[in-house]
């Protein structure tokens, strides 16, 4: 059995685990992510790897990272809550410090890969994962592989223009009307209260307790999500569409989205579109990061065999 050190580096905390090649956790925990420098982060990762090496012989290090990860170069482009990770060659730095092979991938892409490996999409090759949180992101997976796009923006579904495109130069994006943050803002406006005192959980609890105005906003919110999903189904035509993020834990919302999608079926829209919830929660980025590492290693081994 082969073993790996796996990290999910986030803006606030970094999850880490010792895992085997089947995706099983041997041990896992978390620590605060350093705010000041890449050197501090590398020190933490390096020390954790050394602790794991006392228990198992490691075959490599897998990272889930924020930002637009260039998996070929090992660098992170774009922007995130950790400015210091953008620019330096993370892979090269960590490989030199540990002497182990390293691979990294974007966090949302990792979450999607986890579903394709041992989760809700394990039985299909082509699927979309839509992650609904403060904004809307996700991934396009074809033949079990992430499609990054020319500018590393494939899966940035939240930038799709949904409304007001005739009146505004850029219109209204999907993130601004279909994210968790969007429903909070819309309900706050409808109720005439400060949005800072609300969150997504509170909004849905208000609806559960019979607030008609909030229920109406959630109905429109659900329709906006369904419209975006229908557009993606026709654009990419995957075998499955999955929804992730904390909002996906509400089974009744998934049911409402599917009911809305079903009601939109007509002579023009003939496809039977249905969504499922992602299966993994906080562990998804770790599982997907490991799968990405194993995919990359397999490709490298095949290339070497063909060369010989």
C-alpha atoms as a PDB file:
ATOM      1  CA  UNK A   1       0.000   0.000   0.000  1.00  0.00           C
ATOM      2  CA  UNK A   2       1.253   3.474  -0.893  1.00  0.00           C
ATOM      3  CA  UNK A   3       0.804   6.478   1.393  1.00  0.00           C
ATOM      4  CA  UNK A   4       0.591  10.230   0.777  1.00  0.00           C
ATOM      5  CA  UNK A   5       0.589  13.519   2.671  1.00  0.00           C
ATOM      6  CA  UNK A   6      -2.423  15.557   1.557  1.00  0.00           C
ATOM      7  CA  UNK A   7      -3.191  19.215   2.332  1.00  0.00           C
ATOM      8  CA  UNK A   8      -6.201  21.471   1.761  1.00  0.00           C
ATOM      9  CA  UNK A   9      -4.900  25.013   2.141  1.00  0.00           C
ATOM     10  CA  UNK A  10      -7.643  27.555   2.809  1.00  0.00           C
ATOM     11  CA  UNK A  11      -7.703  31.224   3.686  1.00  0.00           C
ATOM     12  CA  UNK A  12      -8.393  30.522   7.361  1.00  0.00           C
ATOM     13  CA  UNK A  13      -7.360  26.939   8.061  1.00  0.00           C
ATOM     14  CA  UNK A  14      -5.369  24.172   6.446  1.00  0.00           C
ATOM     15  CA  UNK A  15      -6.649  20.605   6.673  1.00  0.00           C
ATOM     16  CA  UNK A  16      -4.085  17.824   6.401  1.00  0.00           C
ATOM     17  CA  UNK A  17      -4.196  14.055   6.250  1.00  0.00           C
ATOM     18  CA  UNK A  18      -2.167  10.906   5.873  1.00  0.00           C
ATOM     19  CA  UNK A  19      -3.993   8.866   3.225  1.00  0.00           C
ATOM     20  CA  UNK A  20      -3.489   5.677   1.273  1.00  0.00           C
ATOM     21  CA  UNK A  21      -3.941   5.154  -2.466  1.00  0.00           C
ATOM     22  CA  UNK A  22      -7.586   4.089  -2.101  1.00  0.00           C
ATOM     23  CA  UNK A  23      -8.596   7.418  -0.554  1.00  0.00           C
ATOM     24  CA  UNK A  24      -8.745   6.052   2.982  1.00  0.00           C
ATOM     25  CA  UNK A  25      -7.792   8.406   5.816  1.00  0.00           C
ATOM     26  CA  UNK A  26      -5.146   7.058   8.171  1.00  0.00           C
ATOM     27  CA  UNK A  27      -5.254  10.255  10.226  1.00  0.00           C
ATOM     28  CA  UNK A  28      -6.350  13.831   9.680  1.00  0.00           C
ATOM     29  CA  UNK A  29      -6.473  17.174  11.440  1.00  0.00           C
ATOM     30  CA  UNK A  30      -6.271  20.901  10.766  1.00  0.00           C
ATOM     31  CA  UNK A  31      -4.216  23.967  11.677  1.00  0.00           C
ATOM     32  CA  UNK A  32      -4.403  27.719  11.162  1.00  0.00           C
ATOM     33  CA  UNK A  33      -3.121  28.916   7.803  1.00  0.00           C
ATOM     34  CA  UNK A  34      -0.265  31.430   8.169  1.00  0.00           C
ATOM     35  CA  UNK A  35      -1.335  34.927   7.146  1.00  0.00           C
ATOM     36  CA  UNK A  36       2.035  36.532   6.503  1.00  0.00           C
ATOM     37  CA  UNK A  37       4.336  34.569   4.216  1.00  0.00           C
ATOM     38  CA  UNK A  38       4.824  31.564   1.978  1.00  0.00           C
ATOM     39  CA  UNK A  39       7.880  30.607   4.033  1.00  0.00           C
ATOM     40  CA  UNK A  40       5.686  30.129   7.100  1.00  0.00           C
ATOM     41  CA  UNK A  41       3.285  27.948   5.129  1.00  0.00           C
ATOM     42  CA  UNK A  42       6.137  25.851   3.721  1.00  0.00           C
ATOM     43  CA  UNK A  43       7.515  25.385   7.250  1.00  0.00           C
ATOM     44  CA  UNK A  44       4.162  24.031   8.425  1.00  0.00           C
ATOM     45  CA  UNK A  45       3.731  21.702   5.462  1.00  0.00           C
ATOM     46  CA  UNK A  46       7.312  20.465   5.723  1.00  0.00           C
ATOM     47  CA  UNK A  47       7.057  19.753   9.453  1.00  0.00           C
ATOM     48  CA  UNK A  48       3.772  17.883   8.959  1.00  0.00           C
ATOM     49  CA  UNK A  49       5.295  15.773   6.184  1.00  0.00           C
ATOM     50  CA  UNK A  50       8.223  14.895   8.455  1.00  0.00           C
ATOM     51  CA  UNK A  51       5.803  13.755  11.173  1.00  0.00           C
ATOM     52  CA  UNK A  52       3.961  11.558   8.684  1.00  0.00           C
ATOM     53  CA  UNK A  53       7.256  10.087   7.472  1.00  0.00           C
ATOM     54  CA  UNK A  54       7.898   8.792  10.989  1.00  0.00           C
ATOM     55  CA  UNK A  55       4.794   6.593  10.604  1.00  0.00           C
ATOM     56  CA  UNK A  56       4.692   5.652   6.903  1.00  0.00           C
ATOM     57  CA  UNK A  57       6.924   5.773   3.850  1.00  0.00           C
ATOM     58  CA  UNK A  58       5.433   8.547   1.708  1.00  0.00           C
ATOM     59  CA  UNK A  59       5.134   8.456  -2.077  1.00  0.00           C
ATOM     60  CA  UNK A  60       4.234  12.083  -2.560  1.00  0.00           C
ATOM     61  CA  UNK A  61       2.422  15.240  -1.485  1.00  0.00           C
ATOM     62  CA  UNK A  62      -0.947  16.382  -2.840  1.00  0.00           C
ATOM     63  CA  UNK A  63      -2.220  19.949  -2.404  1.00  0.00           C
ATOM     64  CA  UNK A  64      -5.632  21.573  -2.772  1.00  0.00           C
ATOM     65  CA  UNK A  65      -5.065  25.314  -3.181  1.00  0.00           C
ATOM     66  CA  UNK A  66      -7.109  28.496  -3.732  1.00  0.00           C
ATOM     67  CA  UNK A  67      -6.787  30.504  -6.939  1.00  0.00           C
ATOM     68  CA  UNK A  68      -6.217  29.644 -10.602  1.00  0.00           C
ATOM     69  CA  UNK A  69      -3.791  26.748 -10.310  1.00  0.00           C
ATOM     70  CA  UNK A  70      -1.594  26.066 -13.326  1.00  0.00           C
ATOM     71  CA  UNK A  71      -1.133  22.336 -12.807  1.00  0.00           C
ATOM     72  CA  UNK A  72       1.495  22.015 -15.518  1.00  0.00           C
ATOM     73  CA  UNK A  73       3.764  24.742 -14.148  1.00  0.00           C
ATOM     74  CA  UNK A  74       3.066  24.289 -10.452  1.00  0.00           C
ATOM     75  CA  UNK A  75       2.233  27.956  -9.901  1.00  0.00           C
ATOM     76  CA  UNK A  76      -0.970  29.716  -8.829  1.00  0.00           C
ATOM     77  CA  UNK A  77      -2.340  32.553 -10.925  1.00  0.00           C
ATOM     78  CA  UNK A  78      -5.266  34.890 -10.273  1.00  0.00           C
ATOM     79  CA  UNK A  79      -6.067  36.085  -6.750  1.00  0.00           C
ATOM     80  CA  UNK A  80      -7.295  34.631  -3.462  1.00  0.00           C
ATOM     81  CA  UNK A  81      -7.433  35.231   0.284  1.00  0.00           C
ATOM     82  CA  UNK A  82      -3.737  34.224   0.433  1.00  0.00           C
ATOM     83  CA  UNK A  83      -1.848  36.734  -1.744  1.00  0.00           C
ATOM     84  CA  UNK A  84       1.548  35.187  -1.015  1.00  0.00           C
ATOM     85  CA  UNK A  85       0.762  31.919  -2.822  1.00  0.00           C
ATOM     86  CA  UNK A  86       0.380  33.679  -6.179  1.00  0.00           C
ATOM     87  CA  UNK A  87       3.512  33.756  -8.318  1.00  0.00           C
ATOM     88  CA  UNK A  88       6.074  31.461  -6.629  1.00  0.00           C
ATOM     89  CA  UNK A  89       6.474  27.913  -7.932  1.00  0.00           C
ATOM     90  CA  UNK A  90       4.808  26.099  -5.046  1.00  0.00           C
ATOM     91  CA  UNK A  91       5.539  22.658  -6.447  1.00  0.00           C
ATOM     92  CA  UNK A  92       9.244  23.283  -6.949  1.00  0.00           C
ATOM     93  CA  UNK A  93       9.716  24.882  -3.536  1.00  0.00           C
ATOM     94  CA  UNK A  94       8.003  22.059  -1.640  1.00  0.00           C
ATOM     95  CA  UNK A  95       9.731  19.338  -3.663  1.00  0.00           C
ATOM     96  CA  UNK A  96      13.134  20.801  -2.830  1.00  0.00           C
ATOM     97  CA  UNK A  97      12.299  21.027   0.858  1.00  0.00           C
ATOM     98  CA  UNK A  98      10.857  17.515   1.219  1.00  0.00           C
ATOM     99  CA  UNK A  99      12.493  15.480  -1.529  1.00  0.00           C
ATOM    100  CA  UNK A 100       9.069  14.149  -2.516  1.00  0.00           C
ATOM    101  CA  UNK A 101       7.024  14.640  -5.707  1.00  0.00           C
ATOM    102  CA  UNK A 102       4.329  17.306  -5.354  1.00  0.00           C
ATOM    103  CA  UNK A 103       1.200  18.152  -7.328  1.00  0.00           C
ATOM    104  CA  UNK A 104      -1.441  20.796  -6.741  1.00  0.00           C
ATOM    105  CA  UNK A 105      -4.904  21.653  -8.033  1.00  0.00           C
ATOM    106  CA  UNK A 106      -7.589  24.282  -7.405  1.00  0.00           C
ATOM    107  CA  UNK A 107      -9.802  23.573  -4.385  1.00  0.00           C
ATOM    108  CA  UNK A 108     -13.138  23.525  -6.270  1.00  0.00           C
ATOM    109  CA  UNK A 109     -11.599  21.236  -8.889  1.00  0.00           C
ATOM    110  CA  UNK A 110     -10.400  18.925  -6.126  1.00  0.00           C
ATOM    111  CA  UNK A 111     -13.895  18.749  -4.653  1.00  0.00           C
ATOM    112  CA  UNK A 112     -15.222  17.805  -8.084  1.00  0.00           C
ATOM    113  CA  UNK A 113     -12.569  15.134  -8.657  1.00  0.00           C
ATOM    114  CA  UNK A 114     -13.445  13.532  -5.332  1.00  0.00           C
ATOM    115  CA  UNK A 115     -17.006  12.996  -6.557  1.00  0.00           C
ATOM    116  CA  UNK A 116     -15.773  11.384  -9.761  1.00  0.00           C
ATOM    117  CA  UNK A 117     -13.389   9.076  -7.956  1.00  0.00           C
ATOM    118  CA  UNK A 118     -15.442   7.620  -5.105  1.00  0.00           C
ATOM    119  CA  UNK A 119     -18.490   9.893  -4.844  1.00  0.00           C
ATOM    120  CA  UNK A 120     -21.748  10.768  -6.574  1.00  0.00           C
ATOM    121  CA  UNK A 121     -20.204  10.784 -10.073  1.00  0.00           C
ATOM    122  CA  UNK A 122     -18.140   7.607  -9.816  1.00  0.00           C
ATOM    123  CA  UNK A 123     -20.422   5.861 -12.308  1.00  0.00           C
ATOM    124  CA  UNK A 124     -20.072   8.479 -15.102  1.00  0.00           C
ATOM    125  CA  UNK A 125     -17.225  10.027 -17.091  1.00  0.00           C
ATOM    126  CA  UNK A 126     -18.658  13.459 -17.930  1.00  0.00           C
ATOM    127  CA  UNK A 127     -20.175  15.646 -15.233  1.00  0.00           C
ATOM    128  CA  UNK A 128     -20.421  19.188 -13.898  1.00  0.00           C
ATOM    129  CA  UNK A 129     -19.996  20.152 -10.267  1.00  0.00           C
ATOM    130  CA  UNK A 130     -21.568  23.474  -9.229  1.00  0.00           C
ATOM    131  CA  UNK A 131     -20.422  24.815  -5.861  1.00  0.00           C
ATOM    132  CA  UNK A 132     -22.830  27.352  -4.366  1.00  0.00           C
ATOM    133  CA  UNK A 133     -21.457  29.516  -1.570  1.00  0.00           C
ATOM    134  CA  UNK A 134     -20.581  33.198  -1.287  1.00  0.00           C
ATOM    135  CA  UNK A 135     -20.368  33.026  -5.087  1.00  0.00           C
ATOM    136  CA  UNK A 136     -20.877  30.235  -7.608  1.00  0.00           C
ATOM    137  CA  UNK A 137     -17.943  28.205  -8.870  1.00  0.00           C
ATOM    138  CA  UNK A 138     -17.290  24.627  -9.802  1.00  0.00           C
ATOM    139  CA  UNK A 139     -15.729  22.456 -12.445  1.00  0.00           C
ATOM    140  CA  UNK A 140     -16.259  20.793 -15.797  1.00  0.00           C
ATOM    141  CA  UNK A 141     -15.073  17.176 -15.779  1.00  0.00           C
ATOM    142  CA  UNK A 142     -14.892  15.270 -19.067  1.00  0.00           C
ATOM    143  CA  UNK A 143     -13.588  11.717 -19.256  1.00  0.00           C
ATOM    144  CA  UNK A 144     -12.843  11.952 -15.508  1.00  0.00           C
ATOM    145  CA  UNK A 145     -10.454  14.876 -16.069  1.00  0.00           C
ATOM    146  CA  UNK A 146     -10.805  18.518 -15.141  1.00  0.00           C
ATOM    147  CA  UNK A 147     -11.044  20.888 -18.092  1.00  0.00           C
ATOM    148  CA  UNK A 148      -9.180  24.040 -17.115  1.00  0.00           C
ATOM    149  CA  UNK A 149      -9.684  26.143 -20.265  1.00  0.00           C
ATOM    150  CA  UNK A 150      -7.238  28.447 -22.019  1.00  0.00           C
ATOM    151  CA  UNK A 151      -7.346  31.048 -19.232  1.00  0.00           C
ATOM    152  CA  UNK A 152      -7.881  28.558 -16.364  1.00  0.00           C
ATOM    153  CA  UNK A 153     -11.465  29.811 -16.013  1.00  0.00           C
ATOM    154  CA  UNK A 154     -13.470  26.739 -17.004  1.00  0.00           C
ATOM    155  CA  UNK A 155     -16.013  26.117 -14.261  1.00  0.00           C
ATOM    156  CA  UNK A 156     -16.332  29.758 -13.219  1.00  0.00           C
ATOM    157  CA  UNK A 157     -20.076  29.456 -13.727  1.00  0.00           C
ATOM    158  CA  UNK A 158     -20.882  32.389 -11.475  1.00  0.00           C
ATOM    159  CA  UNK A 159     -19.774  34.850 -14.157  1.00  0.00           C
ATOM    160  CA  UNK A 160     -22.570  33.788 -16.516  1.00  0.00           C
ATOM    161  CA  UNK A 161     -24.864  36.730 -17.250  1.00  0.00           C
ATOM    162  CA  UNK A 162     -28.421  35.950 -16.172  1.00  0.00           C
ATOM    163  CA  UNK A 163     -30.460  39.165 -16.040  1.00  0.00           C
ATOM    164  CA  UNK A 164     -30.486  42.905 -16.872  1.00  0.00           C
ATOM    165  CA  UNK A 165     -28.143  42.490 -19.841  1.00  0.00           C
ATOM    166  CA  UNK A 166     -30.167  44.943 -21.954  1.00  0.00           C
ATOM    167  CA  UNK A 167     -29.891  47.709 -19.367  1.00  0.00           C
ATOM    168  CA  UNK A 168     -26.380  47.198 -17.972  1.00  0.00           C
ATOM    169  CA  UNK A 169     -23.092  46.716 -19.861  1.00  0.00           C
ATOM    170  CA  UNK A 170     -22.310  43.448 -18.037  1.00  0.00           C
ATOM    171  CA  UNK A 171     -25.790  42.571 -16.799  1.00  0.00           C
ATOM    172  CA  UNK A 172     -26.371  40.619 -13.602  1.00  0.00           C
ATOM    173  CA  UNK A 173     -24.219  37.537 -12.987  1.00  0.00           C
ATOM    174  CA  UNK A 174     -25.391  34.151 -11.747  1.00  0.00           C
ATOM    175  CA  UNK A 175     -23.364  34.611  -8.545  1.00  0.00           C
ATOM    176  CA  UNK A 176     -25.159  37.856  -7.769  1.00  0.00           C
ATOM    177  CA  UNK A 177     -28.620  36.244  -7.946  1.00  0.00           C
ATOM    178  CA  UNK A 178     -28.057  32.528  -7.323  1.00  0.00           C
ATOM    179  CA  UNK A 179     -25.453  32.288  -4.539  1.00  0.00           C
ATOM    180  CA  UNK A 180     -25.938  31.956  -0.796  1.00  0.00           C
ATOM    181  CA  UNK A 181     -24.812  35.558  -0.413  1.00  0.00           C
ATOM    182  CA  UNK A 182     -27.401  36.584  -3.021  1.00  0.00           C
ATOM    183  CA  UNK A 183     -30.358  35.073  -1.190  1.00  0.00           C
ATOM    184  CA  UNK A 184     -29.205  36.728   2.042  1.00  0.00           C
ATOM    185  CA  UNK A 185     -29.018  40.130   0.335  1.00  0.00           C
ATOM    186  CA  UNK A 186     -32.372  39.689  -1.410  1.00  0.00           C
ATOM    187  CA  UNK A 187     -34.155  38.666   1.788  1.00  0.00           C
ATOM    188  CA  UNK A 188     -32.559  41.526   3.743  1.00  0.00           C
ATOM    189  CA  UNK A 189     -33.787  43.996   1.129  1.00  0.00           C
ATOM    190  CA  UNK A 190     -37.277  42.468   1.099  1.00  0.00           C
ATOM    191  CA  UNK A 191     -37.498  42.586   4.909  1.00  0.00           C
ATOM    192  CA  UNK A 192     -35.915  46.027   5.196  1.00  0.00           C
ATOM    193  CA  UNK A 193     -33.153  44.890   7.511  1.00  0.00           C
ATOM    194  CA  UNK A 194     -29.364  44.853   7.635  1.00  0.00           C
ATOM    195  CA  UNK A 195     -27.871  41.907   5.747  1.00  0.00           C
ATOM    196  CA  UNK A 196     -24.973  41.698   8.215  1.00  0.00           C
ATOM    197  CA  UNK A 197     -27.364  40.198  10.739  1.00  0.00           C
ATOM    198  CA  UNK A 198     -28.371  37.357   8.413  1.00  0.00           C
ATOM    199  CA  UNK A 199     -26.809  34.270   6.928  1.00  0.00           C
ATOM    200  CA  UNK A 200     -28.041  31.512   4.631  1.00  0.00           C
ATOM    201  CA  UNK A 201     -29.032  29.198   7.468  1.00  0.00           C
ATOM    202  CA  UNK A 202     -31.150  31.895   9.093  1.00  0.00           C
ATOM    203  CA  UNK A 203     -32.871  32.714   5.805  1.00  0.00           C
ATOM    204  CA  UNK A 204     -33.994  29.129   5.269  1.00  0.00           C
ATOM    205  CA  UNK A 205     -35.089  28.833   8.901  1.00  0.00           C
ATOM    206  CA  UNK A 206     -37.294  31.893   8.372  1.00  0.00           C
ATOM    207  CA  UNK A 207     -38.897  30.147   5.404  1.00  0.00           C
ATOM    208  CA  UNK A 208     -39.299  26.923   7.395  1.00  0.00           C
ATOM    209  CA  UNK A 209     -41.198  28.886  10.049  1.00  0.00           C
ATOM    210  CA  UNK A 210     -43.698  30.147   7.484  1.00  0.00           C
ATOM    211  CA  UNK A 211     -42.410  33.585   6.447  1.00  0.00           C
ATOM    212  CA  UNK A 212     -44.241  34.106   3.138  1.00  0.00           C
ATOM    213  CA  UNK A 213     -41.952  36.864   1.889  1.00  0.00           C
ATOM    214  CA  UNK A 214     -38.841  34.762   2.453  1.00  0.00           C
ATOM    215  CA  UNK A 215     -40.520  31.755   0.845  1.00  0.00           C
ATOM    216  CA  UNK A 216     -41.229  33.889  -2.222  1.00  0.00           C
ATOM    217  CA  UNK A 217     -37.584  34.993  -2.443  1.00  0.00           C
ATOM    218  CA  UNK A 218     -36.420  31.373  -2.146  1.00  0.00           C
ATOM    219  CA  UNK A 219     -38.838  30.380  -4.911  1.00  0.00           C
ATOM    220  CA  UNK A 220     -37.275  32.985  -7.235  1.00  0.00           C
ATOM    221  CA  UNK A 221     -33.799  31.992  -6.034  1.00  0.00           C
ATOM    222  CA  UNK A 222     -34.529  28.362  -6.895  1.00  0.00           C
ATOM    223  CA  UNK A 223     -35.745  29.341 -10.369  1.00  0.00           C
ATOM    224  CA  UNK A 224     -32.531  31.286 -11.009  1.00  0.00           C
ATOM    225  CA  UNK A 225     -30.443  28.288 -10.016  1.00  0.00           C
ATOM    226  CA  UNK A 226     -32.532  26.048 -12.267  1.00  0.00           C
ATOM    227  CA  UNK A 227     -32.137  28.401 -15.248  1.00  0.00           C
ATOM    228  CA  UNK A 228     -28.355  28.381 -14.886  1.00  0.00           C
ATOM    229  CA  UNK A 229     -28.342  24.604 -14.626  1.00  0.00           C
ATOM    230  CA  UNK A 230     -30.519  24.224 -17.719  1.00  0.00           C
ATOM    231  CA  UNK A 231     -28.166  26.482 -19.691  1.00  0.00           C
ATOM    232  CA  UNK A 232     -25.161  24.419 -18.624  1.00  0.00           C
ATOM    233  CA  UNK A 233     -26.909  21.166 -19.538  1.00  0.00           C
ATOM    234  CA  UNK A 234     -27.519  22.408 -23.060  1.00  0.00           C
ATOM    235  CA  UNK A 235     -24.034  23.913 -23.392  1.00  0.00           C
ATOM    236  CA  UNK A 236     -22.060  20.872 -22.201  1.00  0.00           C
ATOM    237  CA  UNK A 237     -24.622  18.034 -22.008  1.00  0.00           C
ATOM    238  CA  UNK A 238     -22.930  16.093 -19.178  1.00  0.00           C
ATOM    239  CA  UNK A 239     -24.131  12.788 -17.810  1.00  0.00           C
ATOM    240  CA  UNK A 240     -24.631  14.289 -14.345  1.00  0.00           C
ATOM    241  CA  UNK A 241     -24.835  17.674 -12.682  1.00  0.00           C
ATOM    242  CA  UNK A 242     -23.886  17.860  -9.005  1.00  0.00           C
ATOM    243  CA  UNK A 243     -24.413  20.678  -6.520  1.00  0.00           C
ATOM    244  CA  UNK A 244     -21.970  21.257  -3.681  1.00  0.00           C
ATOM    245  CA  UNK A 245     -21.502  23.788  -0.913  1.00  0.00           C
ATOM    246  CA  UNK A 246     -23.331  24.007   2.402  1.00  0.00           C
ATOM    247  CA  UNK A 247     -26.589  24.717   0.615  1.00  0.00           C
ATOM    248  CA  UNK A 248     -26.533  21.255  -0.966  1.00  0.00           C
ATOM    249  CA  UNK A 249     -27.060  19.699   2.467  1.00  0.00           C
ATOM    250  CA  UNK A 250     -30.682  20.877   2.348  1.00  0.00           C
ATOM    251  CA  UNK A 251     -32.360  17.920   0.645  1.00  0.00           C
ATOM    252  CA  UNK A 252     -35.600  19.848   0.218  1.00  0.00           C
ATOM    253  CA  UNK A 253     -33.777  22.527  -1.821  1.00  0.00           C
ATOM    254  CA  UNK A 254     -32.346  19.899  -4.175  1.00  0.00           C
ATOM    255  CA  UNK A 255     -35.889  18.542  -4.541  1.00  0.00           C
ATOM    256  CA  UNK A 256     -37.232  22.050  -5.269  1.00  0.00           C
ATOM    257  CA  UNK A 257     -34.572  22.628  -7.928  1.00  0.00           C
ATOM    258  CA  UNK A 258     -35.447  19.333  -9.595  1.00  0.00           C
ATOM    259  CA  UNK A 259     -39.162  20.133  -9.466  1.00  0.00           C
ATOM    260  CA  UNK A 260     -38.465  23.504 -11.097  1.00  0.00           C
ATOM    261  CA  UNK A 261     -36.319  21.887 -13.784  1.00  0.00           C
ATOM    262  CA  UNK A 262     -39.077  19.378 -14.473  1.00  0.00           C
ATOM    263  CA  UNK A 263     -41.657  22.157 -14.805  1.00  0.00           C
ATOM    264  CA  UNK A 264     -39.450  23.901 -17.380  1.00  0.00           C
ATOM    265  CA  UNK A 265     -39.535  20.910 -19.708  1.00  0.00           C
ATOM    266  CA  UNK A 266     -41.516  21.716 -22.842  1.00  0.00           C
ATOM    267  CA  UNK A 267     -41.596  21.109 -26.573  1.00  0.00           C
ATOM    268  CA  UNK A 268     -38.465  23.237 -26.838  1.00  0.00           C
ATOM    269  CA  UNK A 269     -36.647  22.014 -23.723  1.00  0.00           C
ATOM    270  CA  UNK A 270     -36.914  18.272 -24.133  1.00  0.00           C
ATOM    271  CA  UNK A 271     -34.008  17.121 -21.979  1.00  0.00           C
ATOM    272  CA  UNK A 272     -34.807  15.597 -18.607  1.00  0.00           C
ATOM    273  CA  UNK A 273     -32.409  17.580 -16.420  1.00  0.00           C
ATOM    274  CA  UNK A 274     -31.850  16.511 -12.825  1.00  0.00           C
ATOM    275  CA  UNK A 275     -29.269  17.430 -10.203  1.00  0.00           C
ATOM    276  CA  UNK A 276     -27.805  15.519  -7.278  1.00  0.00           C
ATOM    277  CA  UNK A 277     -26.027  16.681  -4.135  1.00  0.00           C
ATOM    278  CA  UNK A 278     -22.310  16.097  -3.726  1.00  0.00           C
ATOM    279  CA  UNK A 279     -21.546  13.387  -1.173  1.00  0.00           C
ATOM    280  CA  UNK A 280     -18.448  14.743   0.486  1.00  0.00           C
ATOM    281  CA  UNK A 281     -18.296  17.709   2.828  1.00  0.00           C
ATOM    282  CA  UNK A 282     -15.135  18.940   4.503  1.00  0.00           C
ATOM    283  CA  UNK A 283     -13.097  15.984   3.246  1.00  0.00           C
ATOM    284  CA  UNK A 284     -13.794  16.526  -0.458  1.00  0.00           C
ATOM    285  CA  UNK A 285     -10.780  18.735  -1.218  1.00  0.00           C
ATOM    286  CA  UNK A 286      -8.401  16.279   0.441  1.00  0.00           C
ATOM    287  CA  UNK A 287      -9.834  13.293  -1.431  1.00  0.00           C
ATOM    288  CA  UNK A 288      -9.787  15.151  -4.758  1.00  0.00           C
ATOM    289  CA  UNK A 289      -6.244  16.456  -4.261  1.00  0.00           C
ATOM    290  CA  UNK A 290      -5.017  12.895  -3.793  1.00  0.00           C
ATOM    291  CA  UNK A 291      -6.896  11.683  -6.856  1.00  0.00           C
ATOM    292  CA  UNK A 292      -5.380  14.504  -8.915  1.00  0.00           C
ATOM    293  CA  UNK A 293      -1.907  13.478  -7.739  1.00  0.00           C
ATOM    294  CA  UNK A 294      -2.550   9.839  -8.656  1.00  0.00           C
ATOM    295  CA  UNK A 295      -3.861  10.861 -12.100  1.00  0.00           C
ATOM    296  CA  UNK A 296      -0.763  12.942 -12.781  1.00  0.00           C
ATOM    297  CA  UNK A 297       1.540  10.139 -11.666  1.00  0.00           C
ATOM    298  CA  UNK A 298      -0.285   7.639 -13.869  1.00  0.00           C
ATOM    299  CA  UNK A 299       0.051   9.947 -16.874  1.00  0.00           C
ATOM    300  CA  UNK A 300       3.752  10.438 -16.205  1.00  0.00           C
ATOM    301  CA  UNK A 301       4.314   6.678 -15.907  1.00  0.00           C
ATOM    302  CA  UNK A 302       2.473   6.067 -19.202  1.00  0.00           C
ATOM    303  CA  UNK A 303       4.494   8.742 -20.953  1.00  0.00           C
ATOM    304  CA  UNK A 304       7.733   7.203 -19.679  1.00  0.00           C
ATOM    305  CA  UNK A 305       6.656   3.733 -20.808  1.00  0.00           C
ATOM    306  CA  UNK A 306       5.756   5.015 -24.286  1.00  0.00           C
ATOM    307  CA  UNK A 307       9.065   6.865 -24.539  1.00  0.00           C
ATOM    308  CA  UNK A 308      11.015   3.712 -23.712  1.00  0.00           C
END
